[in-house]
Every structure is written in C-alpha cells, then in structure tokens.
Amino acid sequence: MAETTAEKPSAEPTSLARVVRARLTPGEVKALDKWRWHDRLVSLWAPVTVLALIFFVYLAIVESVVCTYLWLQPVMQAVGLICFFWWAALVVARYTLRKWDAARKARYQAEEVLAHVESATDKHKAELKDKAFEELSGSCADLVKAFPSPGAQIAEATKKLEAVADRHLSRFRKGGFLDFTGGFTRALLIALAFRAVLVEPFKIPSGSMIPTLEIGDQIFVNKFIYGVRLPFTNYVPFVLIRPPKRGDVIVFNNPVQPEVDYIKRVVGVPGDKLEFTDDAVLLNGVALEKKLETPTYKFWDQPRVNEPLFFDGIKRWFIDDWTQTRETLYRETLDGQPHYILEEPEHRRATLAGMRERLIVVPEGSVFVMGDNRNHSLDGRFGLGGPQNKPEFVPYGNIKGKATVIWLSLARGGFLSSLFGGTGITYSRFFKPVTLCGSEPPKTE
C-alpha cells in the first residue's frame, strides 16, 4: 500500500505527530503502537507505577471500610510480589538480552528526539516553510517505521532526524539547559506538592506504638484529611474532611521539640476530661472499655539512639541490639473503635507514679495523645518528652496527618534478618492498615 502524502501546514493547526501517523500504513501504525506499549511495559517504572496505582485504590477502600483489609491485604501482598518479580525480571533482562536492550535504549532515545522535534515544530509551525515541514514529517515517519528494527538501524534513523531538525529548527532554540531545568522543576514541584498535600511516608523509630506499629514499620500519612497546612507554618485555614477524632493515630510536629515528629494515638479531643486512676483511664467520667487479650505478650524493642554518623549508622545494621520484653496485651475501645494497648498492671502503677497531674482537660484547638505501649511512651502525660514532665497537648496546626497503612516493614525477624542484626523484611506486615477492624482473631504474639 502506498504511503499517503504529508499534510501541509494550513490555517487549521495540525500537530506533527498526527501528520506523521497519516504517512504510515495501517500496518505500520499498528506496529508503532505495539512497540510503544512494549516499551512502556518494560520500563523499570512500569511495575512501580502499576503497584502505586493499585495501592492507592486499596488505600481508599480500606480507609473507607477497614474490615475489607482482612481479605484484601493478602491480595495486595500478592500484587506486590508480582510487581517485584516483574521489576527484577526487567533488571535481569537488561543485562542478559543485549540485542533486545540495545533496541529498547535506541527507541527510548528516538522517542526523546521525536518529542523534542514535535514540540518545536508545533510551536513554530507558522514560521516553517512547507518544504521544511515536509522534510521534518518525512524524517519522523522514517524513524518510527524503524522501531521494529535492531538498535543500530533505529540509532541511524534518529541521527538523520537530528540532522534535519538541526537544519530547520536550530534557530528557534533558546538553550537546552533552560528547557531541561524547566521540566525538572515542574516534576519536582509536582512531587513536593503531592508530598505536602496528599500523602507522606514516615518511619516508626521507637516502640511507643507497639503492638499497633513496630520499630521499622514504614507508613503513609494522609495529609489532607484534617486540612492542609499552609507552607512553612503550623496553620490550617479550614478542615477538609473532618477534625481529628478519638482513636486516630496521628503524626505531628512535637510542640515541645519542633524539630522532631512524633506518632501517637488521639485519646482526648477539645473539652474532654481525662482522669488516670490505678484501675482505668476515665474519659469524661466513664472508664475506657478494656478487654484482656494476652497476659504475657512478647514483643521486640530496640534502644533509640541519636542519628549516627554515616559509617557508624552502617555498622549498626549488623549489630543485633533487639531485646525481647513482655507486657499484658489488652484490646481497648475508643468511641466504638478498637485498638491494642500494652499495659502490665505493676508497670502501670509505676508509670502513674511518675505523672505530675492525673486529671487533665483538653483545651480548644488541641488533642491529647498517648502511645499504645502505655508504660514505654513519652506522650502527653509526660510533656511529650520535654524537660518539664507536665501534661502537654498537640495543637491542630502541629498535626501533619493521620497514619493509614504500613507499606514496608523492616522489623525484627523476617527475610535477611540473619544478615542484618536481626532486622529483616517482614512481609506479613506489608499493606496492613493502622486502624484495627475489630473482627481480627485473638492476638497472642
């Protein structure tokens, strides 16, 4: 089948990409689309992108209906493994299938040149002569026709297009560096906006939230549920979905140590009166519901140290400094929402003895927080780790967001733990929601 003639620039703007496709036969268009989809799927970003998209759908579902995670988490873990092996297979293929990889790289470079040529041509079409436009579209068509060919032929067609582009488009260039930095800046701003407004990763550095969150868990924080803070401030102009409520696990800038982020559970909201007795925590005069789950719950803890120097930090990877501890495990309920806490009765009395005030009223615009590992948490009862050891509250403006799902866990045990001082990949915790469903089987260890 004969090739169609290139469309000429006219009063009706027509993109170069459309003109190039018009020069191809139906078979060549089909081959071009095939190779473009092939290259998308063999990009190392493909499995990462697919996993991220599926994960955010999963996150939306389990945040809306928590109990769906009981059957969706294994599915999500399977998807994660598939995407990992997909990514690993692509890495291996790049080093073993040399001819295939050379053609892939050549097509990638060709697409970069095509995108630049198409953009510059469309932008300056009115200033180009018909002959120049014809030559550019012809060279672009020759290049995409070469996509099924070996890498050397694609590279040769790319060089020819570059030579034609230099001849006709060089006078329009204003500096490749500015173009690059402009694109890089846009990508960076999008990434920063996503992190600032939507979700942000956070690593669990201490055992104050065991058993809900273990040391080494990596979580995502929902940053828009309570309202978006203005940049470089602790001011939230308005609530987007809802204010923090009792039972939420939140990440916040410690008001006592602003350079440090803490993660705790909201126990009191504005106006609440909390009283700590030898037997229970009273919320507005009513004892929090607490059910014994396991009298001797074993868990692993690790001493928290100041941020080490780089090489000292690497050394710590191979030192097993984990210690096993026992506490009593309870299932506590706040506003109908269950969660686990650790609170051995004898340790509880010693903890209460260290409190300066046992009757607390939460002020407006703030919340009162506690760790789930009640006897090992520098929380609101103890000044949030500050020097005065008096009750402290978290202002709404200091709250960064709500903890949602564990996306990675490098905790005690698991894969490769024998090589890294007892710390390993604990895949069973991947994609586990921070919020408890309430229908889970009894927890023993």
Protein backbone atom coordinates (compact mmCIF):
# COMPACT_ATOMS: atom_id res chain seq x y z
CA MET A 1 0.00 0.00 0.00
CA ALA A 2 1.38 3.38 -0.99
CA GLU A 3 2.14 5.90 1.67
CA THR A 4 -0.12 8.90 1.95
CA THR A 5 1.20 12.37 1.26
CA ALA A 6 2.13 14.59 4.20
CA GLU A 7 -0.37 17.18 5.22
CA LYS A 8 0.82 20.74 4.68
CA PRO A 9 0.62 23.47 7.25
CA SER A 10 -2.67 25.28 6.89
CA ALA A 11 -4.85 27.73 8.70
CA GLU A 12 -6.08 24.76 10.72
CA PRO A 13 -3.25 23.82 13.12
CA THR A 14 -2.31 20.15 12.76
CA SER A 15 0.23 18.58 15.08
CA LEU A 16 3.32 16.99 13.60
CA ALA A 17 2.53 13.73 15.40
CA ARG A 18 -0.80 13.46 13.57
CA VAL A 19 0.85 14.23 10.25
CA VAL A 20 3.47 11.53 10.87
CA ARG A 21 0.79 8.94 11.65
CA ALA A 22 -1.01 9.93 8.45
CA ARG A 23 2.11 8.99 6.47
CA LEU A 24 2.07 5.44 7.84
CA THR A 25 0.17 2.47 6.52
CA PRO A 26 -2.34 0.80 8.88
CA GLY A 27 0.17 -2.00 9.48
CA GLU A 28 2.90 0.48 10.35
CA VAL A 29 0.58 2.36 12.74
CA LYS A 30 -0.25 -0.94 14.45
CA ALA A 31 3.44 -1.83 14.73
CA LEU A 32 4.26 1.63 16.16
CA ASP A 33 1.55 1.35 18.82
CA LYS A 34 2.70 -2.17 19.66
CA TRP A 35 6.30 -1.12 20.22
CA ARG A 36 5.31 1.93 22.23
CA TRP A 37 3.20 -0.20 24.56
CA HIS A 38 6.03 -2.73 24.74
CA ASP A 39 8.46 -0.03 25.83
CA ARG A 40 6.06 1.29 28.45
CA LEU A 41 5.64 -2.17 29.94
CA VAL A 42 9.39 -2.94 30.02
CA SER A 43 10.29 0.35 31.66
CA LEU A 44 11.54 -0.12 35.23
CA TRP A 45 8.93 2.44 36.21
CA ALA A 46 6.08 0.27 34.88
CA PRO A 47 5.79 -2.16 37.84
CA VAL A 48 6.33 0.70 40.29
CA THR A 49 3.57 2.75 38.66
CA VAL A 50 1.15 -0.19 38.49
CA LEU A 51 1.79 -1.05 42.15
CA ALA A 52 1.35 2.59 43.21
CA LEU A 53 -1.97 2.93 41.36
CA ILE A 54 -3.36 -0.32 42.77
CA PHE A 55 -2.07 0.60 46.23
CA PHE A 56 -3.88 3.95 46.26
CA VAL A 57 -7.12 2.21 45.26
CA TYR A 58 -6.52 -0.28 48.09
CA LEU A 59 -5.78 2.57 50.49
CA ALA A 60 -9.04 4.33 49.60
CA ILE A 61 -11.01 1.11 50.12
CA VAL A 62 -9.53 0.11 53.49
CA GLU A 63 -9.72 3.66 54.81
CA SER A 64 -13.42 3.71 53.96
CA VAL A 65 -14.26 0.15 55.07
CA VAL A 66 -11.50 -1.09 57.36
CA CYS A 67 -12.59 -4.72 57.58
CA THR A 68 -12.08 -5.21 53.84
CA TYR A 69 -8.35 -5.48 54.58
CA LEU A 70 -8.90 -8.93 56.12
CA TRP A 71 -9.26 -10.36 52.61
CA LEU A 72 -7.77 -7.54 50.52
CA GLN A 73 -4.39 -7.43 52.28
CA PRO A 74 -3.32 -10.90 51.01
CA VAL A 75 -4.40 -9.84 47.51
CA MET A 76 -2.39 -6.64 47.80
CA GLN A 77 0.63 -8.59 49.06
CA ALA A 78 0.36 -10.92 46.06
CA VAL A 79 0.20 -7.91 43.72
CA GLY A 80 3.28 -6.50 45.45
CA LEU A 81 5.21 -9.73 44.88
CA ILE A 82 4.15 -9.89 41.23
CA CYS A 83 5.31 -6.30 40.67
CA PHE A 84 8.61 -7.00 42.44
CA PHE A 85 9.34 -10.07 40.29
CA TRP A 86 8.26 -8.11 37.21
CA TRP A 87 10.75 -5.38 38.12
CA ALA A 88 13.51 -7.92 38.94
CA ALA A 89 12.94 -9.74 35.63
CA LEU A 90 13.32 -6.45 33.74
CA VAL A 91 16.60 -5.74 35.53
CA VAL A 92 17.93 -9.21 34.64
CA ALA A 93 16.75 -8.86 31.03
CA ARG A 94 18.70 -5.63 30.62
CA TYR A 95 21.94 -7.43 31.42
CA THR A 96 21.29 -10.71 29.61
CA LEU A 97 19.28 -9.83 26.47
CA ARG A 98 21.80 -7.41 24.99
CA LYS A 99 20.27 -7.05 21.49
CA TRP A 100 16.79 -6.56 22.92
CA ASP A 101 18.10 -3.99 25.40
CA ALA A 102 20.07 -2.14 22.71
CA ALA A 103 16.89 -1.78 20.62
CA ARG A 104 14.93 -0.68 23.68
CA LYS A 105 17.51 2.01 24.51
CA ALA A 106 17.57 3.16 20.89
CA ARG A 107 13.78 3.50 20.84
CA TYR A 108 13.90 5.41 24.14
CA GLN A 109 16.41 7.89 22.70
CA ALA A 110 14.38 8.08 19.50
CA GLU A 111 11.22 8.95 21.48
CA GLU A 112 13.12 11.73 23.27
CA VAL A 113 14.22 13.22 19.94
CA LEU A 114 10.73 12.80 18.46
CA ALA A 115 9.13 14.57 21.40
CA HIS A 116 11.55 17.48 21.11
CA VAL A 117 11.12 17.79 17.36
CA GLU A 118 7.32 17.56 17.53
CA SER A 119 7.16 20.17 20.28
CA ALA A 120 9.45 22.63 18.49
CA THR A 121 7.74 22.09 15.13
CA ASP A 122 4.23 22.61 16.51
CA LYS A 123 5.35 25.71 18.38
CA HIS A 124 6.95 27.35 15.32
CA LYS A 125 4.84 25.84 12.52
CA ALA A 126 3.81 29.23 11.18
CA GLU A 127 7.46 30.17 10.68
CA LEU A 128 8.40 26.99 8.83
CA LYS A 129 8.24 26.66 5.05
CA ASP A 130 6.21 23.87 3.51
CA LYS A 131 9.36 22.10 2.35
CA ALA A 132 10.89 22.17 5.83
CA PHE A 133 7.70 20.80 7.38
CA GLU A 134 7.57 18.10 4.71
CA GLU A 135 11.18 17.06 5.39
CA LEU A 136 10.65 17.00 9.17
CA SER A 137 7.49 14.90 8.95
CA GLY A 138 9.17 12.53 6.49
CA SER A 139 12.19 12.01 8.76
CA CYS A 140 9.92 11.45 11.77
CA ALA A 141 7.94 8.87 9.80
CA ASP A 142 11.15 7.10 8.74
CA LEU A 143 12.21 6.94 12.36
CA VAL A 144 9.01 5.39 13.72
CA LYS A 145 8.99 2.91 10.84
CA ALA A 146 12.38 1.73 12.11
CA PHE A 147 11.08 0.86 15.59
CA PRO A 148 10.79 -2.92 14.85
CA SER A 149 14.41 -2.91 13.59
CA PRO A 150 17.64 -3.65 15.53
CA GLY A 151 19.09 -0.91 17.69
CA ALA A 152 21.73 0.18 15.16
CA GLN A 153 19.11 0.95 12.49
CA ILE A 154 16.96 2.89 14.97
CA ALA A 155 20.01 4.88 16.08
CA GLU A 156 20.85 5.67 12.45
CA ALA A 157 17.32 6.90 11.75
CA THR A 158 17.49 9.01 14.93
CA LYS A 159 20.71 10.67 13.74
CA LYS A 160 19.10 11.50 10.42
CA LEU A 161 16.15 13.13 12.16
CA GLU A 162 18.51 15.10 14.42
CA ALA A 163 20.37 16.38 11.33
CA VAL A 164 17.11 17.50 9.70
CA ALA A 165 15.97 19.12 12.95
CA ASP A 166 19.29 20.99 13.27
CA ARG A 167 18.84 22.33 9.76
CA HIS A 168 15.30 23.60 10.24
CA LEU A 169 14.78 24.16 13.96
CA SER A 170 18.14 25.25 15.36
CA ARG A 171 17.28 28.94 15.00
CA PHE A 172 14.39 28.50 17.42
CA ARG A 173 16.43 27.05 20.25
CA LYS A 174 16.91 29.19 23.35
CA GLY A 175 19.12 26.86 25.36
CA GLY A 176 18.62 23.22 26.18
CA PHE A 177 19.65 23.74 29.80
CA LEU A 178 16.72 26.08 30.44
CA ASP A 179 14.34 23.60 28.83
CA PHE A 180 15.72 20.80 31.00
CA THR A 181 15.58 22.74 34.24
CA GLY A 182 12.06 23.90 33.42
CA GLY A 183 10.87 20.30 33.04
CA PHE A 184 12.85 19.17 36.05
CA THR A 185 11.45 22.00 38.15
CA ARG A 186 7.89 21.14 37.16
CA ALA A 187 8.41 17.47 38.06
CA LEU A 188 9.99 18.44 41.37
CA LEU A 189 7.16 20.82 42.23
CA ILE A 190 4.57 18.14 41.44
CA ALA A 191 6.38 15.65 43.69
CA LEU A 192 6.69 18.19 46.52
CA ALA A 193 3.04 19.19 46.20
CA PHE A 194 1.99 15.52 46.32
CA ARG A 195 4.04 15.02 49.48
CA ALA A 196 2.88 18.27 51.07
CA VAL A 197 -0.83 17.88 50.36
CA LEU A 198 -1.70 14.20 49.87
CA VAL A 199 0.49 11.54 51.48
CA GLU A 200 3.93 11.41 53.08
CA PRO A 201 5.99 8.39 54.18
CA PHE A 202 7.02 8.13 57.82
CA LYS A 203 9.30 5.64 59.59
CA ILE A 204 8.50 4.31 63.06
CA PRO A 205 11.66 4.98 65.10
CA SER A 206 10.63 3.74 68.57
CA GLY A 207 8.50 1.17 70.33
CA SER A 208 5.97 3.59 71.85
CA MET A 209 3.19 2.40 69.49
CA ILE A 210 3.77 -1.36 69.82
CA PRO A 211 1.82 -3.53 69.06
CA THR A 212 -0.04 -1.32 66.56
CA LEU A 213 3.19 -0.19 64.93
CA GLU A 214 6.56 -1.85 65.33
CA ILE A 215 10.03 -0.33 65.10
CA GLY A 216 11.00 -0.28 61.44
CA ASP A 217 7.47 -0.07 60.05
CA GLN A 218 7.14 2.45 57.23
CA ILE A 219 3.72 4.05 56.95
CA PHE A 220 1.89 6.52 54.76
CA VAL A 221 0.34 9.58 56.37
CA ASN A 222 -2.90 11.03 54.98
CA LYS A 223 -2.11 14.77 54.98
CA PHE A 224 -5.38 16.19 53.71
CA ILE A 225 -7.99 14.51 55.91
CA TYR A 226 -7.78 17.16 58.65
CA GLY A 227 -6.95 20.08 56.35
CA VAL A 228 -3.82 21.24 54.55
CA ARG A 229 -1.34 23.31 56.50
CA LEU A 230 -0.05 26.48 54.88
CA PRO A 231 3.59 26.03 53.79
CA PHE A 232 6.22 26.79 56.45
CA THR A 233 3.53 27.36 59.08
CA ASN A 234 1.51 25.40 61.62
CA TYR A 235 -1.72 26.99 60.45
CA VAL A 236 -4.61 25.03 58.95
CA PRO A 237 -7.11 27.53 57.45
CA PHE A 238 -10.03 25.07 57.25
CA VAL A 239 -10.91 21.40 57.74
CA LEU A 240 -11.18 19.40 54.52
CA ILE A 241 -12.91 16.21 55.67
CA ARG A 242 -13.09 16.11 59.46
CA PRO A 243 -11.12 17.16 62.56
CA PRO A 244 -9.04 14.58 64.46
CA LYS A 245 -11.18 12.19 66.48
CA ARG A 246 -10.53 9.85 69.38
CA GLY A 247 -8.73 6.70 68.29
CA ASP A 248 -6.92 8.26 65.30
CA VAL A 249 -3.20 7.57 65.09
CA ILE A 250 -1.57 10.86 64.09
CA VAL A 251 1.86 12.12 63.10
CA PHE A 252 2.66 15.59 64.41
CA ASN A 253 5.40 18.14 64.96
CA ASN A 254 6.15 17.87 68.65
CA PRO A 255 5.18 21.30 70.08
CA VAL A 256 7.85 20.86 72.79
CA GLN A 257 10.58 19.77 70.34
CA PRO A 258 9.52 21.27 66.97
CA GLU A 259 12.37 19.64 65.08
CA VAL A 260 11.01 16.15 65.94
CA ASP A 261 7.98 14.34 64.53
CA TYR A 262 6.02 12.06 66.89
CA ILE A 263 3.37 9.44 66.26
CA LYS A 264 0.72 8.74 68.92
CA ARG A 265 -2.97 7.93 69.32
CA VAL A 266 -5.56 10.63 69.98
CA VAL A 267 -7.23 9.88 73.33
CA GLY A 268 -8.81 13.25 74.07
CA VAL A 269 -10.32 16.00 71.90
CA PRO A 270 -11.21 19.59 72.87
CA GLY A 271 -13.31 19.73 76.03
CA ASP A 272 -12.59 16.15 77.13
CA LYS A 273 -11.75 15.50 80.78
CA LEU A 274 -9.29 12.63 81.31
CA GLU A 275 -8.61 11.08 84.69
CA PHE A 276 -5.94 8.46 85.31
CA THR A 277 -6.70 6.11 88.19
CA ASP A 278 -4.99 2.95 89.42
CA ASP A 279 -7.59 0.87 87.59
CA ALA A 280 -8.53 2.69 84.40
CA VAL A 281 -8.47 5.79 82.21
CA LEU A 282 -11.67 7.74 82.73
CA LEU A 283 -12.90 9.72 79.72
CA ASN A 284 -15.49 12.28 80.79
CA GLY A 285 -16.14 10.18 83.90
CA VAL A 286 -16.52 6.84 82.08
CA ALA A 287 -13.78 4.19 82.15
CA LEU A 288 -12.44 3.24 78.74
CA GLU A 289 -13.55 -0.25 77.76
CA LYS A 290 -10.61 -2.61 78.02
CA LYS A 291 -10.58 -6.38 77.41
CA LEU A 292 -7.70 -8.70 78.32
CA GLU A 293 -6.23 -10.32 75.22
CA THR A 294 -2.94 -11.93 76.32
CA PRO A 295 -1.47 -11.84 79.86
CA THR A 296 2.14 -12.25 78.68
CA TYR A 297 2.54 -10.72 75.25
CA LYS A 298 6.11 -10.94 73.92
CA PHE A 299 7.47 -8.20 71.68
CA TRP A 300 10.80 -6.91 70.44
CA ASP A 301 12.13 -3.50 71.31
CA GLN A 302 15.28 -1.66 70.31
CA PRO A 303 17.08 1.23 72.02
CA ARG A 304 16.61 4.54 70.27
CA VAL A 305 19.88 6.37 69.64
CA ASN A 306 20.66 9.79 68.26
CA GLU A 307 21.15 9.93 64.49
CA PRO A 308 24.60 8.30 64.00
CA LEU A 309 27.29 9.38 61.60
CA PHE A 310 27.06 7.74 58.19
CA PHE A 311 29.64 4.97 58.73
CA ASP A 312 28.53 4.38 62.33
CA GLY A 313 25.00 4.03 61.04
CA ILE A 314 26.12 1.32 58.58
CA LYS A 315 27.84 -0.55 61.42
CA ARG A 316 24.60 -0.59 63.40
CA TRP A 317 22.91 -2.50 60.58
CA PHE A 318 24.91 -5.59 61.58
CA ILE A 319 24.56 -5.31 65.37
CA ASP A 320 21.73 -7.24 66.99
CA ASP A 321 20.61 -4.89 69.76
CA TRP A 322 16.99 -6.10 69.86
CA THR A 323 15.62 -7.12 73.24
CA GLN A 324 12.53 -9.18 73.96
CA THR A 325 10.08 -7.77 76.50
CA ARG A 326 6.78 -8.90 77.97
CA GLU A 327 3.69 -6.85 78.74
CA THR A 328 -0.01 -7.52 79.16
CA LEU A 329 -1.98 -7.07 75.94
CA TYR A 330 -5.45 -5.50 76.02
CA ARG A 331 -7.97 -4.58 73.38
CA GLU A 332 -9.14 -1.07 74.26
CA THR A 333 -12.09 0.72 72.67
CA LEU A 334 -12.43 4.45 71.99
CA ASP A 335 -15.74 5.68 70.54
CA GLY A 336 -16.51 2.17 69.33
CA GLN A 337 -13.13 1.84 67.57
CA PRO A 338 -10.91 -0.95 69.00
CA HIS A 339 -7.13 -0.92 69.19
CA TYR A 340 -4.45 -2.83 71.07
CA ILE A 341 -2.51 -1.48 74.03
CA LEU A 342 0.29 -2.90 76.20
CA GLU A 343 -0.09 -2.19 79.90
CA GLU A 344 1.17 -4.60 82.54
CA PRO A 345 -0.60 -3.71 85.84
CA GLU A 346 2.51 -3.42 88.03
CA HIS A 347 4.27 -1.32 85.41
CA ARG A 348 1.12 0.80 85.10
CA ARG A 349 1.25 1.79 88.76
CA ALA A 350 4.89 2.77 88.43
CA THR A 351 4.05 4.83 85.35
CA LEU A 352 1.18 6.60 87.13
CA ALA A 353 3.51 7.45 90.00
CA GLY A 354 5.64 9.43 87.57
CA MET A 355 2.75 11.61 86.36
CA ARG A 356 2.58 15.16 87.75
CA GLU A 357 -1.15 15.50 87.06
CA ARG A 358 -3.78 12.78 86.84
CA LEU A 359 -6.72 15.00 85.93
CA ILE A 360 -6.45 16.66 82.52
CA VAL A 361 -8.84 18.84 80.50
CA VAL A 362 -8.10 19.16 76.78
CA PRO A 363 -8.12 22.82 75.62
CA GLU A 364 -9.79 24.11 72.45
CA GLY A 365 -7.87 23.60 69.22
CA SER A 366 -5.75 20.75 70.62
CA VAL A 367 -5.78 16.99 71.21
CA PHE A 368 -4.30 14.80 73.92
CA VAL A 369 -2.23 11.85 72.74
CA MET A 370 -0.85 8.66 74.22
CA GLY A 371 1.26 5.77 72.93
CA ASP A 372 -0.23 2.29 72.69
CA ASN A 373 2.78 0.90 74.58
CA ARG A 374 1.48 2.73 77.64
CA ASN A 375 4.38 2.09 80.02
CA HIS A 376 7.05 2.96 77.45
CA SER A 377 5.81 6.16 75.82
CA LEU A 378 6.84 9.77 76.35
CA ASP A 379 3.43 11.09 75.38
CA GLY A 380 1.08 13.83 76.53
CA ARG A 381 1.10 12.51 80.10
CA PHE A 382 4.82 13.26 80.39
CA GLY A 383 5.23 16.51 78.48
CA LEU A 384 5.87 14.83 75.09
CA GLY A 385 9.45 14.22 76.10
CA GLY A 386 10.02 17.80 77.21
CA PRO A 387 12.02 18.77 80.31
CA GLN A 388 9.07 19.82 82.49
CA ASN A 389 7.26 16.46 82.60
CA LYS A 390 3.85 18.14 82.74
CA PRO A 391 0.79 17.38 80.59
CA GLU A 392 1.19 18.68 77.04
CA PHE A 393 -1.31 18.90 74.19
CA VAL A 394 -0.92 18.85 70.42
CA PRO A 395 -2.38 21.93 68.65
CA TYR A 396 -4.32 21.18 65.47
CA GLY A 397 -1.75 23.13 63.47
CA ASN A 398 1.05 20.76 64.54
CA ILE A 399 -0.73 17.69 63.20
CA LYS A 400 0.78 16.51 59.91
CA GLY A 401 -1.84 13.86 59.21
CA LYS A 402 -3.43 10.51 60.01
CA ALA A 403 -1.43 7.28 59.84
CA THR A 404 -3.07 4.97 57.31
CA VAL A 405 -1.25 1.86 56.05
CA ILE A 406 2.10 0.12 56.54
CA TRP A 407 3.69 -0.08 53.09
CA LEU A 408 7.07 -1.52 54.15
CA SER A 409 8.33 -3.17 57.33
CA LEU A 410 11.96 -3.67 58.31
CA ALA A 411 11.39 -5.04 61.78
CA ARG A 412 12.71 -7.83 63.97
CA GLY A 413 12.83 -11.17 62.13
CA GLY A 414 11.82 -11.85 58.58
CA PHE A 415 13.77 -12.14 55.35
CA LEU A 416 17.53 -11.39 55.59
CA SER A 417 17.34 -10.85 59.37
CA SER A 418 20.28 -13.21 59.89
CA LEU A 419 22.47 -10.84 57.86
CA PHE A 420 21.36 -7.53 59.34
CA GLY A 421 21.49 -7.90 63.10
CA GLY A 422 18.05 -9.42 63.47
CA THR A 423 16.33 -6.81 61.28
CA GLY A 424 14.56 -8.24 58.26
CA ILE A 425 11.81 -7.73 55.72
CA THR A 426 8.58 -8.73 57.47
CA TYR A 427 6.28 -9.10 54.50
CA SER A 428 3.34 -10.20 56.62
CA ARG A 429 3.01 -6.57 57.80
CA PHE A 430 3.05 -5.07 54.30
CA PHE A 431 -0.16 -3.19 53.40
CA LYS A 432 -1.62 -3.64 56.89
CA PRO A 433 -3.91 -0.77 57.96
CA VAL A 434 -3.03 1.13 61.12
CA THR A 435 -6.73 1.13 62.12
CA LEU A 436 -7.98 -2.10 63.67
CA CYS A 437 -11.08 -3.72 62.19
CA GLY A 438 -12.33 -5.42 65.35
CA SER A 439 -13.02 -8.76 63.69
CA GLU A 440 -9.42 -9.98 63.88
CA PRO A 441 -8.75 -13.28 65.70
CA PRO A 442 -7.26 -13.00 69.21
CA LYS A 443 -3.67 -11.77 69.17
CA THR A 444 -1.14 -13.94 71.05
CA GLU A 445 2.31 -12.71 69.98
